[in-house]
């Protein structure tokens, strides 16, 4: 069975346990038409605009 040759230092152990590798919260940007928060490089789900052009027709029901 493999056994560690030396004790792992506190710095090495804590670096491994740190939250460096965890995922970040996705960035949001404001829609230029309606001002709603949306993911960048995506069509706005509220108004259907992307880069100043309407690409989806939203039904106001």
N, C-alpha and C. Protein backbone atom coordinates (compact mmCIF):
# COMPACT_ATOMS: atom_id res chain seq x y z
N UNK A 1 0.83 -1.18 0.00
CA UNK A 1 0.00 0.00 0.00
C UNK A 1 0.88 1.24 0.00
N UNK A 2 0.48 2.26 -0.76
CA UNK A 2 1.27 3.49 -0.84
C UNK A 2 1.08 4.31 0.42
N UNK A 3 2.19 4.76 0.97
CA UNK A 3 2.18 5.56 2.20
C UNK A 3 2.98 6.83 1.92
N UNK A 4 2.49 8.01 2.34
CA UNK A 4 3.23 9.25 2.12
C UNK A 4 4.59 9.19 2.82
N UNK A 5 5.64 9.65 2.13
CA UNK A 5 6.97 9.62 2.69
C UNK A 5 7.16 10.73 3.73
N UNK A 6 6.53 11.90 3.48
CA UNK A 6 6.65 13.04 4.39
C UNK A 6 5.28 13.61 4.70
N UNK A 7 5.21 14.32 5.81
CA UNK A 7 3.97 14.97 6.21
C UNK A 7 3.67 16.12 5.23
N UNK A 8 2.43 16.23 4.81
CA UNK A 8 2.03 17.34 3.94
C UNK A 8 1.99 18.61 4.76
N UNK A 9 2.65 19.67 4.28
CA UNK A 9 2.69 20.93 5.03
C UNK A 9 1.32 21.59 5.05
N UNK A 10 1.13 22.47 6.01
CA UNK A 10 -0.15 23.18 6.14
C UNK A 10 -0.41 24.04 4.91
N UNK A 11 0.63 24.68 4.38
CA UNK A 11 0.47 25.53 3.20
C UNK A 11 0.02 24.71 2.00
N UNK A 12 0.68 23.56 1.79
CA UNK A 12 0.32 22.70 0.66
C UNK A 12 -1.09 22.16 0.81
N UNK A 13 -1.44 21.74 2.02
CA UNK A 13 -2.78 21.22 2.28
C UNK A 13 -3.83 22.31 2.06
N UNK A 14 -3.57 23.51 2.57
CA UNK A 14 -4.56 24.59 2.46
C UNK A 14 -4.69 25.09 1.02
N UNK A 15 -3.59 25.06 0.25
CA UNK A 15 -3.67 25.43 -1.16
C UNK A 15 -4.60 24.48 -1.90
N UNK A 16 -4.48 23.22 -1.59
CA UNK A 16 -5.33 22.22 -2.23
C UNK A 16 -6.79 22.40 -1.86
N UNK A 17 -7.05 22.77 -0.62
CA UNK A 17 -8.42 22.93 -0.14
C UNK A 17 -9.03 24.28 -0.45
N UNK A 18 -8.23 25.20 -1.01
CA UNK A 18 -8.72 26.56 -1.26
C UNK A 18 -9.82 26.55 -2.33
N UNK A 19 -10.48 27.66 -2.45
CA UNK A 19 -11.59 27.75 -3.39
C UNK A 19 -11.14 28.30 -4.74
N UNK A 20 -9.87 28.17 -5.08
CA UNK A 20 -9.36 28.68 -6.34
C UNK A 20 -10.01 27.96 -7.52
N UNK A 21 -10.24 26.69 -7.39
CA UNK A 21 -10.73 25.88 -8.50
C UNK A 21 -12.23 25.95 -8.69
N UNK A 22 -12.96 26.59 -7.77
CA UNK A 22 -14.42 26.60 -7.87
C UNK A 22 -14.90 27.52 -8.98
N UNK A 23 -16.09 27.25 -9.49
CA UNK A 23 -16.64 28.03 -10.59
C UNK A 23 -17.03 29.42 -10.14
N UNK A 24 -16.95 30.39 -11.07
CA UNK A 24 -17.35 31.76 -10.79
C UNK A 24 -18.82 31.94 -11.16
N UNK A 25 -19.40 32.96 -10.59
CA UNK A 25 -20.78 33.32 -10.92
C UNK A 25 -20.77 33.89 -12.34
N UNK A 26 -21.74 33.51 -13.19
CA UNK A 26 -21.73 34.04 -14.55
C UNK A 26 -21.92 35.54 -14.58
N UNK A 27 -21.25 36.21 -15.51
CA UNK A 27 -21.36 37.66 -15.65
C UNK A 27 -22.68 38.00 -16.33
N UNK A 28 -23.24 39.14 -15.96
CA UNK A 28 -24.47 39.62 -16.58
C UNK A 28 -24.20 40.96 -17.25
N UNK A 29 -24.96 41.25 -18.28
CA UNK A 29 -24.90 42.56 -18.92
C UNK A 29 -26.32 43.06 -19.12
N UNK A 30 -26.45 44.39 -19.27
CA UNK A 30 -27.78 44.97 -19.45
C UNK A 30 -28.16 44.95 -20.92
N UNK A 31 -29.41 44.66 -21.19
CA UNK A 31 -29.93 44.72 -22.54
C UNK A 31 -29.98 46.18 -22.98
N UNK A 32 -29.55 46.45 -24.21
CA UNK A 32 -29.54 47.83 -24.69
C UNK A 32 -30.94 48.35 -24.99
N UNK A 33 -31.89 47.46 -25.19
CA UNK A 33 -33.25 47.89 -25.52
C UNK A 33 -34.13 48.07 -24.28
N UNK A 34 -34.21 47.03 -23.45
CA UNK A 34 -35.15 47.07 -22.31
C UNK A 34 -34.46 47.26 -20.97
N UNK A 35 -33.14 47.06 -20.90
CA UNK A 35 -32.42 47.26 -19.65
C UNK A 35 -32.43 46.07 -18.71
N UNK A 36 -33.00 44.96 -19.13
CA UNK A 36 -33.02 43.76 -18.28
C UNK A 36 -31.64 43.12 -18.24
N UNK A 37 -31.34 42.40 -17.17
CA UNK A 37 -30.07 41.68 -17.08
C UNK A 37 -30.16 40.41 -17.92
N UNK A 38 -29.09 40.15 -18.68
CA UNK A 38 -29.04 38.97 -19.53
C UNK A 38 -27.60 38.47 -19.58
N UNK A 39 -27.40 37.24 -20.01
CA UNK A 39 -26.07 36.71 -20.21
C UNK A 39 -25.45 37.36 -21.44
N UNK A 40 -24.15 37.67 -21.41
CA UNK A 40 -23.54 38.29 -22.58
C UNK A 40 -23.53 37.35 -23.78
N UNK A 41 -23.61 37.92 -24.97
CA UNK A 41 -23.61 37.19 -26.25
C UNK A 41 -24.82 36.25 -26.36
N UNK A 42 -25.93 36.63 -25.75
CA UNK A 42 -27.17 35.85 -25.84
C UNK A 42 -28.32 36.81 -26.20
N UNK A 43 -29.36 36.27 -26.79
CA UNK A 43 -30.56 37.04 -27.09
C UNK A 43 -31.27 37.37 -25.78
N UNK A 44 -31.76 38.59 -25.65
CA UNK A 44 -32.50 38.98 -24.45
C UNK A 44 -33.80 38.19 -24.40
N UNK A 45 -34.06 37.56 -23.28
CA UNK A 45 -35.28 36.74 -23.15
C UNK A 45 -36.52 37.60 -22.95
N UNK A 46 -36.35 38.86 -22.59
CA UNK A 46 -37.50 39.73 -22.35
C UNK A 46 -38.01 40.37 -23.63
N UNK A 47 -37.10 40.94 -24.43
CA UNK A 47 -37.54 41.69 -25.61
C UNK A 47 -37.17 41.01 -26.94
N UNK A 48 -36.23 40.06 -26.93
CA UNK A 48 -35.87 39.35 -28.15
C UNK A 48 -34.83 40.06 -29.01
N UNK A 49 -34.14 41.06 -28.47
CA UNK A 49 -33.14 41.80 -29.23
C UNK A 49 -31.74 41.22 -29.00
N UNK A 50 -30.89 41.32 -30.03
CA UNK A 50 -29.48 40.94 -29.93
C UNK A 50 -28.69 41.89 -30.80
N UNK A 51 -27.73 42.58 -30.20
CA UNK A 51 -26.88 43.57 -30.90
C UNK A 51 -27.72 44.62 -31.61
N UNK A 52 -28.79 45.08 -30.96
CA UNK A 52 -29.61 46.15 -31.52
C UNK A 52 -30.59 45.72 -32.58
N UNK A 53 -30.67 44.44 -32.88
CA UNK A 53 -31.61 43.95 -33.89
C UNK A 53 -32.57 42.96 -33.25
N UNK A 54 -33.82 43.01 -33.67
CA UNK A 54 -34.81 42.08 -33.14
C UNK A 54 -34.66 40.75 -33.87
N UNK A 55 -34.38 39.70 -33.12
CA UNK A 55 -34.21 38.38 -33.73
C UNK A 55 -35.29 37.42 -33.29
N UNK A 56 -35.99 37.72 -32.20
CA UNK A 56 -37.12 36.91 -31.75
C UNK A 56 -38.33 37.80 -31.60
N UNK A 57 -39.46 37.31 -31.99
CA UNK A 57 -40.71 38.08 -31.83
C UNK A 57 -41.38 37.58 -30.56
N UNK A 58 -41.52 38.49 -29.59
CA UNK A 58 -42.13 38.13 -28.31
C UNK A 58 -43.60 38.51 -28.35
N UNK A 59 -44.48 37.59 -27.98
CA UNK A 59 -45.92 37.85 -27.91
C UNK A 59 -46.25 38.47 -26.58
N UNK A 60 -46.91 39.61 -26.58
CA UNK A 60 -47.35 40.26 -25.35
C UNK A 60 -48.75 39.75 -25.04
N UNK A 61 -48.84 38.66 -24.30
CA UNK A 61 -50.16 38.06 -24.01
C UNK A 61 -50.55 38.26 -22.57
